C-alpha atoms as a PDB file:
ATOM      1  CA  UNK A   1      -2.606 -10.870   6.080  1.00  0.00           C
ATOM      2  CA  UNK A   2      -2.538  -9.773   2.456  1.00  0.00           C
ATOM      3  CA  UNK A   3      -5.565 -11.820   1.486  1.00  0.00           C
ATOM      4  CA  UNK A   4      -7.546  -9.945   4.122  1.00  0.00           C
ATOM      5  CA  UNK A   5      -6.277  -6.609   2.820  1.00  0.00           C
ATOM      6  CA  UNK A   6      -7.408  -7.427  -0.681  1.00  0.00           C
ATOM      7  CA  UNK A   7     -10.884  -8.286   0.585  1.00  0.00           C
ATOM      8  CA  UNK A   8     -11.019  -4.909   2.316  1.00  0.00           C
ATOM      9  CA  UNK A   9     -10.824  -3.141  -1.026  1.00  0.00           C
ATOM     10  CA  UNK A  10     -14.103  -4.773  -2.063  1.00  0.00           C
ATOM     11  CA  UNK A  11     -12.777  -5.543  -5.529  1.00  0.00           C
ATOM     12  CA  UNK A  12     -14.083  -8.309  -7.725  1.00  0.00           C
ATOM     13  CA  UNK A  13     -11.005  -9.497  -9.569  1.00  0.00           C
ATOM     14  CA  UNK A  14     -12.256 -11.834 -12.271  1.00  0.00           C
ATOM     15  CA  UNK A  15     -10.075 -14.453 -13.921  1.00  0.00           C
ATOM     16  CA  UNK A  16     -10.126 -14.022 -17.669  1.00  0.00           C
ATOM     17  CA  UNK A  17      -8.604 -15.536 -20.807  1.00  0.00           C
ATOM     18  CA  UNK A  18      -4.908 -15.808 -21.494  1.00  0.00           C
ATOM     19  CA  UNK A  19      -2.867 -12.690 -22.199  1.00  0.00           C
ATOM     20  CA  UNK A  20       0.006 -12.666 -24.644  1.00  0.00           C
ATOM     21  CA  UNK A  21       3.056 -12.674 -22.383  1.00  0.00           C
ATOM     22  CA  UNK A  22       6.664 -13.190 -23.346  1.00  0.00           C
ATOM     23  CA  UNK A  23       7.448 -15.632 -20.556  1.00  0.00           C
ATOM     24  CA  UNK A  24       8.600 -19.196 -20.201  1.00  0.00           C
ATOM     25  CA  UNK A  25       5.402 -20.300 -18.490  1.00  0.00           C
ATOM     26  CA  UNK A  26       1.855 -19.000 -18.797  1.00  0.00           C
ATOM     27  CA  UNK A  27       0.463 -16.968 -15.876  1.00  0.00           C
ATOM     28  CA  UNK A  28      -1.769 -18.750 -13.393  1.00  0.00           C
ATOM     29  CA  UNK A  29      -5.525 -18.225 -13.405  1.00  0.00           C
ATOM     30  CA  UNK A  30      -5.213 -15.905 -10.393  1.00  0.00           C
ATOM     31  CA  UNK A  31      -2.443 -13.925 -12.101  1.00  0.00           C
ATOM     32  CA  UNK A  32      -4.566 -13.550 -15.244  1.00  0.00           C
ATOM     33  CA  UNK A  33      -7.305 -12.004 -13.107  1.00  0.00           C
ATOM     34  CA  UNK A  34      -4.917  -9.421 -11.683  1.00  0.00           C
ATOM     35  CA  UNK A  35      -3.517  -8.714 -15.144  1.00  0.00           C
ATOM     36  CA  UNK A  36      -7.021  -8.014 -16.420  1.00  0.00           C
ATOM     37  CA  UNK A  37      -7.622  -5.684 -13.466  1.00  0.00           C
ATOM     38  CA  UNK A  38      -4.351  -3.914 -14.250  1.00  0.00           C
ATOM     39  CA  UNK A  39      -5.442  -3.361 -17.845  1.00  0.00           C
ATOM     40  CA  UNK A  40      -8.603  -1.578 -16.654  1.00  0.00           C
ATOM     41  CA  UNK A  41      -6.672   1.160 -14.835  1.00  0.00           C
ATOM     42  CA  UNK A  42      -6.389   4.393 -16.873  1.00  0.00           C
ATOM     43  CA  UNK A  43      -2.848   5.065 -18.118  1.00  0.00           C
ATOM     44  CA  UNK A  44      -0.633   7.999 -18.913  1.00  0.00           C
ATOM     45  CA  UNK A  45       2.663   7.748 -20.804  1.00  0.00           C
ATOM     46  CA  UNK A  46       4.750   8.823 -17.803  1.00  0.00           C
ATOM     47  CA  UNK A  47       4.304   9.969 -14.243  1.00  0.00           C
ATOM     48  CA  UNK A  48       2.795  13.419 -14.367  1.00  0.00           C
ATOM     49  CA  UNK A  49       5.018  16.309 -13.254  1.00  0.00           C
ATOM     50  CA  UNK A  50       5.130  16.675  -9.501  1.00  0.00           C
ATOM     51  CA  UNK A  51       2.660  19.315  -8.403  1.00  0.00           C
ATOM     52  CA  UNK A  52       4.132  22.084  -6.277  1.00  0.00           C
ATOM     53  CA  UNK A  53       0.927  22.340  -4.246  1.00  0.00           C
ATOM     54  CA  UNK A  54       1.381  18.911  -2.607  1.00  0.00           C
ATOM     55  CA  UNK A  55       1.271  18.917   1.191  1.00  0.00           C
ATOM     56  CA  UNK A  56       0.914  15.923   3.497  1.00  0.00           C
ATOM     57  CA  UNK A  57      -1.736  17.860   5.398  1.00  0.00           C
ATOM     58  CA  UNK A  58      -4.000  17.713   2.326  1.00  0.00           C
ATOM     59  CA  UNK A  59      -4.655  14.090   3.325  1.00  0.00           C
ATOM     60  CA  UNK A  60      -5.738  15.101   6.817  1.00  0.00           C
ATOM     61  CA  UNK A  61      -4.089  14.624  10.185  1.00  0.00           C
ATOM     62  CA  UNK A  62      -1.636  11.732  10.128  1.00  0.00           C
ATOM     63  CA  UNK A  63      -3.165   8.402  11.197  1.00  0.00           C
ATOM     64  CA  UNK A  64      -6.557   9.912  12.001  1.00  0.00           C
ATOM     65  CA  UNK A  65      -9.171   7.568  13.434  1.00  0.00           C
ATOM     66  CA  UNK A  66     -12.093   9.772  12.393  1.00  0.00           C
ATOM     67  CA  UNK A  67     -12.392   8.408   8.862  1.00  0.00           C
ATOM     68  CA  UNK A  68     -14.749   6.192   6.883  1.00  0.00           C
ATOM     69  CA  UNK A  69     -11.860   3.909   5.891  1.00  0.00           C
ATOM     70  CA  UNK A  70     -12.188   0.292   6.954  1.00  0.00           C
ATOM     71  CA  UNK A  71     -11.408   0.092  10.692  1.00  0.00           C
ATOM     72  CA  UNK A  72     -11.911   3.806  11.291  1.00  0.00           C
ATOM     73  CA  UNK A  73     -13.698   5.244  14.315  1.00  0.00           C
ATOM     74  CA  UNK A  74     -12.569   2.372  16.528  1.00  0.00           C
ATOM     75  CA  UNK A  75     -11.069   4.624  19.217  1.00  0.00           C
ATOM     76  CA  UNK A  76      -7.543   3.881  18.029  1.00  0.00           C
ATOM     77  CA  UNK A  77      -5.328   5.744  15.565  1.00  0.00           C
ATOM     78  CA  UNK A  78      -4.508   4.074  12.253  1.00  0.00           C
ATOM     79  CA  UNK A  79      -0.806   3.642  12.996  1.00  0.00           C
ATOM     80  CA  UNK A  80      -1.484   1.479  16.031  1.00  0.00           C
ATOM     81  CA  UNK A  81      -4.147  -0.443  14.114  1.00  0.00           C
ATOM     82  CA  UNK A  82      -1.566  -1.406  11.472  1.00  0.00           C
ATOM     83  CA  UNK A  83       1.140  -2.225  14.026  1.00  0.00           C
ATOM     84  CA  UNK A  84      -1.245  -4.592  15.828  1.00  0.00           C
ATOM     85  CA  UNK A  85      -2.191  -6.199  12.529  1.00  0.00           C
ATOM     86  CA  UNK A  86       1.327  -6.663  11.107  1.00  0.00           C
ATOM     87  CA  UNK A  87       3.578  -7.293  14.121  1.00  0.00           C
ATOM     88  CA  UNK A  88       4.055 -10.519  16.036  1.00  0.00           C
ATOM     89  CA  UNK A  89       4.462 -10.839  19.805  1.00  0.00           C
ATOM     90  CA  UNK A  90       2.612  -7.553  20.264  1.00  0.00           C
ATOM     91  CA  UNK A  91       2.570  -5.835  23.650  1.00  0.00           C
ATOM     92  CA  UNK A  92       0.028  -3.048  24.213  1.00  0.00           C
ATOM     93  CA  UNK A  93      -0.903  -0.493  26.812  1.00  0.00           C
ATOM     94  CA  UNK A  94      -3.513   2.227  27.172  1.00  0.00           C
ATOM     95  CA  UNK A  95      -2.465   5.422  25.430  1.00  0.00           C
ATOM     96  CA  UNK A  96      -3.965   8.873  24.773  1.00  0.00           C
ATOM     97  CA  UNK A  97      -4.944   8.029  21.163  1.00  0.00           C
ATOM     98  CA  UNK A  98      -5.581   4.314  21.520  1.00  0.00           C
ATOM     99  CA  UNK A  99      -6.663   1.941  24.267  1.00  0.00           C
ATOM    100  CA  UNK A 100      -4.367  -0.684  22.738  1.00  0.00           C
ATOM    101  CA  UNK A 101      -1.259   1.343  21.928  1.00  0.00           C
ATOM    102  CA  UNK A 102       1.541  -0.920  20.690  1.00  0.00           C
ATOM    103  CA  UNK A 103       4.638  -0.639  22.854  1.00  0.00           C
ATOM    104  CA  UNK A 104       6.607  -3.658  21.631  1.00  0.00           C
ATOM    105  CA  UNK A 105       6.549  -6.356  18.998  1.00  0.00           C
ATOM    106  CA  UNK A 106       8.490  -8.130  16.286  1.00  0.00           C
ATOM    107  CA  UNK A 107       8.281  -7.500  12.545  1.00  0.00           C
ATOM    108  CA  UNK A 108       9.543  -9.537   9.620  1.00  0.00           C
ATOM    109  CA  UNK A 109       9.638  -6.719   7.108  1.00  0.00           C
ATOM    110  CA  UNK A 110       7.907  -7.830   3.901  1.00  0.00           C
ATOM    111  CA  UNK A 111      10.145  -5.495   1.905  1.00  0.00           C
ATOM    112  CA  UNK A 112      13.406  -7.200   2.944  1.00  0.00           C
ATOM    113  CA  UNK A 113      12.555 -10.362   4.886  1.00  0.00           C
ATOM    114  CA  UNK A 114      14.659  -9.145   7.795  1.00  0.00           C
ATOM    115  CA  UNK A 115      13.366  -9.300  11.365  1.00  0.00           C
ATOM    116  CA  UNK A 116      13.146  -6.116  13.421  1.00  0.00           C
ATOM    117  CA  UNK A 117      12.263  -5.583  17.058  1.00  0.00           C
ATOM    118  CA  UNK A 118       9.826  -2.749  17.652  1.00  0.00           C
ATOM    119  CA  UNK A 119      10.051  -0.695  20.815  1.00  0.00           C
ATOM    120  CA  UNK A 120       8.039   2.462  21.328  1.00  0.00           C
ATOM    121  CA  UNK A 121      11.177   4.207  22.600  1.00  0.00           C
ATOM    122  CA  UNK A 122      12.828   3.730  19.148  1.00  0.00           C
ATOM    123  CA  UNK A 123       9.792   3.522  16.954  1.00  0.00           C
ATOM    124  CA  UNK A 124      11.580   4.700  13.785  1.00  0.00           C
ATOM    125  CA  UNK A 125      12.942   1.173  13.228  1.00  0.00           C
ATOM    126  CA  UNK A 126       9.447   0.127  12.112  1.00  0.00           C
ATOM    127  CA  UNK A 127       7.371   2.502   9.991  1.00  0.00           C
ATOM    128  CA  UNK A 128       4.027   2.417   8.196  1.00  0.00           C
ATOM    129  CA  UNK A 129       4.309   2.715   4.423  1.00  0.00           C
ATOM    130  CA  UNK A 130       1.661   3.837   1.960  1.00  0.00           C
ATOM    131  CA  UNK A 131       1.977   1.254  -0.806  1.00  0.00           C
ATOM    132  CA  UNK A 132       0.661   3.815  -3.279  1.00  0.00           C
ATOM    133  CA  UNK A 133       2.547   6.879  -1.989  1.00  0.00           C
ATOM    134  CA  UNK A 134       0.527   9.949  -1.070  1.00  0.00           C
ATOM    135  CA  UNK A 135       2.670  12.237  -3.240  1.00  0.00           C
ATOM    136  CA  UNK A 136       2.310   9.898  -6.222  1.00  0.00           C
ATOM    137  CA  UNK A 137      -1.451   9.759  -5.660  1.00  0.00           C
ATOM    138  CA  UNK A 138      -1.584  13.558  -5.476  1.00  0.00           C
ATOM    139  CA  UNK A 139       0.159  13.909  -8.833  1.00  0.00           C
ATOM    140  CA  UNK A 140      -1.994  11.197 -10.444  1.00  0.00           C
ATOM    141  CA  UNK A 141      -5.403  12.516  -9.466  1.00  0.00           C
ATOM    142  CA  UNK A 142      -5.842  12.901  -5.709  1.00  0.00           C
ATOM    143  CA  UNK A 143      -5.373  16.667  -5.909  1.00  0.00           C
ATOM    144  CA  UNK A 144      -8.909  16.814  -7.332  1.00  0.00           C
ATOM    145  CA  UNK A 145     -10.500  14.642  -4.630  1.00  0.00           C
ATOM    146  CA  UNK A 146     -12.585  15.808  -1.707  1.00  0.00           C
ATOM    147  CA  UNK A 147     -10.889  16.075   1.682  1.00  0.00           C
ATOM    148  CA  UNK A 148     -13.000  13.128   2.878  1.00  0.00           C
ATOM    149  CA  UNK A 149     -11.730  10.898   0.084  1.00  0.00           C
ATOM    150  CA  UNK A 150      -8.118  11.898   0.686  1.00  0.00           C
ATOM    151  CA  UNK A 151      -8.475  11.171   4.411  1.00  0.00           C
ATOM    152  CA  UNK A 152      -9.926   7.754   3.602  1.00  0.00           C
ATOM    153  CA  UNK A 153      -7.091   6.992   1.190  1.00  0.00           C
ATOM    154  CA  UNK A 154      -4.370   7.955   3.671  1.00  0.00           C
ATOM    155  CA  UNK A 155      -5.854   5.679   6.334  1.00  0.00           C
ATOM    156  CA  UNK A 156      -7.093   2.787   4.211  1.00  0.00           C
ATOM    157  CA  UNK A 157      -5.502  -0.389   5.640  1.00  0.00           C
ATOM    158  CA  UNK A 158      -5.475  -1.881   2.131  1.00  0.00           C
ATOM    159  CA  UNK A 159      -2.849   0.752   1.253  1.00  0.00           C
ATOM    160  CA  UNK A 160      -0.783   0.424   4.431  1.00  0.00           C
ATOM    161  CA  UNK A 161       1.881  -2.002   5.601  1.00  0.00           C
ATOM    162  CA  UNK A 162       4.387  -2.043   8.457  1.00  0.00           C
ATOM    163  CA  UNK A 163       7.959  -2.191   7.116  1.00  0.00           C
ATOM    164  CA  UNK A 164      11.494  -1.508   8.237  1.00  0.00           C
ATOM    165  CA  UNK A 165      12.307   2.175   8.397  1.00  0.00           C
ATOM    166  CA  UNK A 166      15.261   1.963   5.990  1.00  0.00           C
ATOM    167  CA  UNK A 167      13.121   0.505   3.196  1.00  0.00           C
ATOM    168  CA  UNK A 168      10.456   3.122   3.752  1.00  0.00           C
ATOM    169  CA  UNK A 169      13.045   5.879   3.490  1.00  0.00           C
ATOM    170  CA  UNK A 170      14.616   4.330   0.383  1.00  0.00           C
ATOM    171  CA  UNK A 171      11.248   4.080  -1.352  1.00  0.00           C
ATOM    172  CA  UNK A 172      10.251   7.689  -0.679  1.00  0.00           C
ATOM    173  CA  UNK A 173       7.403   8.499  -3.103  1.00  0.00           C
ATOM    174  CA  UNK A 174       8.699   6.336  -5.936  1.00  0.00           C
ATOM    175  CA  UNK A 175       6.367   4.450  -8.260  1.00  0.00           C
ATOM    176  CA  UNK A 176       6.870   0.754  -9.213  1.00  0.00           C
ATOM    177  CA  UNK A 177       8.858   1.661 -12.346  1.00  0.00           C
ATOM    178  CA  UNK A 178      11.568   3.111 -10.100  1.00  0.00           C
ATOM    179  CA  UNK A 179      11.185   1.081  -6.915  1.00  0.00           C
ATOM    180  CA  UNK A 180      10.063  -2.416  -5.979  1.00  0.00           C
ATOM    181  CA  UNK A 181      10.700  -4.165  -2.645  1.00  0.00           C
ATOM    182  CA  UNK A 182      14.248  -5.569  -2.351  1.00  0.00           C
ATOM    183  CA  UNK A 183      12.726  -8.965  -1.478  1.00  0.00           C
ATOM    184  CA  UNK A 184      11.669 -10.318  -4.883  1.00  0.00           C
ATOM    185  CA  UNK A 185       9.398 -12.922  -3.286  1.00  0.00           C
ATOM    186  CA  UNK A 186       7.195 -10.034  -2.151  1.00  0.00           C
ATOM    187  CA  UNK A 187       6.825  -8.519  -5.626  1.00  0.00           C
ATOM    188  CA  UNK A 188       3.670 -10.480  -6.405  1.00  0.00           C
ATOM    189  CA  UNK A 189       1.806  -9.344  -3.299  1.00  0.00           C
ATOM    190  CA  UNK A 190       3.112  -5.797  -3.617  1.00  0.00           C
ATOM    191  CA  UNK A 191       1.905  -5.607  -7.218  1.00  0.00           C
ATOM    192  CA  UNK A 192      -1.480  -7.093  -6.328  1.00  0.00           C
ATOM    193  CA  UNK A 193      -2.034  -4.537  -3.609  1.00  0.00           C
ATOM    194  CA  UNK A 194      -0.837  -1.634  -5.730  1.00  0.00           C
ATOM    195  CA  UNK A 195      -3.329  -2.639  -8.423  1.00  0.00           C
ATOM    196  CA  UNK A 196      -6.109  -3.176  -5.883  1.00  0.00           C
ATOM    197  CA  UNK A 197      -5.674   0.321  -4.474  1.00  0.00           C
ATOM    198  CA  UNK A 198      -5.573   1.961  -7.912  1.00  0.00           C
ATOM    199  CA  UNK A 199      -8.703   0.043  -8.887  1.00  0.00           C
ATOM    200  CA  UNK A 200     -10.499   1.242  -5.757  1.00  0.00           C
ATOM    201  CA  UNK A 201      -9.641   4.933  -6.188  1.00  0.00           C
ATOM    202  CA  UNK A 202      -9.774   7.223  -9.264  1.00  0.00           C
ATOM    203  CA  UNK A 203      -6.052   7.390  -9.986  1.00  0.00           C
ATOM    204  CA  UNK A 204      -3.956   7.218 -13.130  1.00  0.00           C
ATOM    205  CA  UNK A 205      -1.040   4.826 -13.618  1.00  0.00           C
ATOM    206  CA  UNK A 206       2.122   5.668 -15.536  1.00  0.00           C
ATOM    207  CA  UNK A 207       2.965   3.286 -18.362  1.00  0.00           C
ATOM    208  CA  UNK A 208       6.457   2.295 -17.105  1.00  0.00           C
ATOM    209  CA  UNK A 209       4.953   1.303 -13.748  1.00  0.00           C
ATOM    210  CA  UNK A 210       2.222  -0.645 -15.532  1.00  0.00           C
ATOM    211  CA  UNK A 211       4.977  -2.685 -17.194  1.00  0.00           C
ATOM    212  CA  UNK A 212       6.727  -3.271 -13.854  1.00  0.00           C
ATOM    213  CA  UNK A 213       3.458  -4.400 -12.253  1.00  0.00           C
ATOM    214  CA  UNK A 214       2.706  -6.629 -15.255  1.00  0.00           C
ATOM    215  CA  UNK A 215       6.050  -8.408 -14.840  1.00  0.00           C
ATOM    216  CA  UNK A 216       5.488  -8.935 -11.125  1.00  0.00           C
ATOM    217  CA  UNK A 217       1.926 -10.208 -11.584  1.00  0.00           C
ATOM    218  CA  UNK A 218       2.952 -12.617 -14.348  1.00  0.00           C
ATOM    219  CA  UNK A 219       5.273 -14.323 -11.874  1.00  0.00           C
ATOM    220  CA  UNK A 220       2.552 -14.797  -9.245  1.00  0.00           C
END
């Protein structure tokens, strides 16, 4: 799943020479490529102050299909697109926003490793998370984007993942310096995707989060 997401970002992550890392083993060739990509992202010393003008609506209607993001304009809203992609044992029906509306399925949450049963009648158990949170993106540059670019970002499948609702609520809009998935085995993939999204969009990265991502990528 995650390999396909990384391809969707259309990034060319190039393996480069060794980086000086205080670690018991050197990073793999693939990890060195991600570390080089991380170094290319513009930095600021700390997360910029939260802007009071942030509104979710600035990123367009939630889960809009009418977007130039990958998979957009397929006659199905983004939320159902991600549920179909990430859940197992998916059951669908025809709905008002999607001809393949997900009504049931099973999710092994990548953030915890726990298995959750999805039912449309209690949909809050499984939620769609923005890996790079919208509020964080707003503070770090998205406030200056066009409405089209913000709509694309909010519905880009490379920045979306189905997770358990509790983890999504715990994460809130926190950056990697203050929150990483409880399941450590997912840190590598989470860091790769966070970097991929920042490399695909004009966003800044706070230095403490750069360190957290560096640690996770070194262990890949």
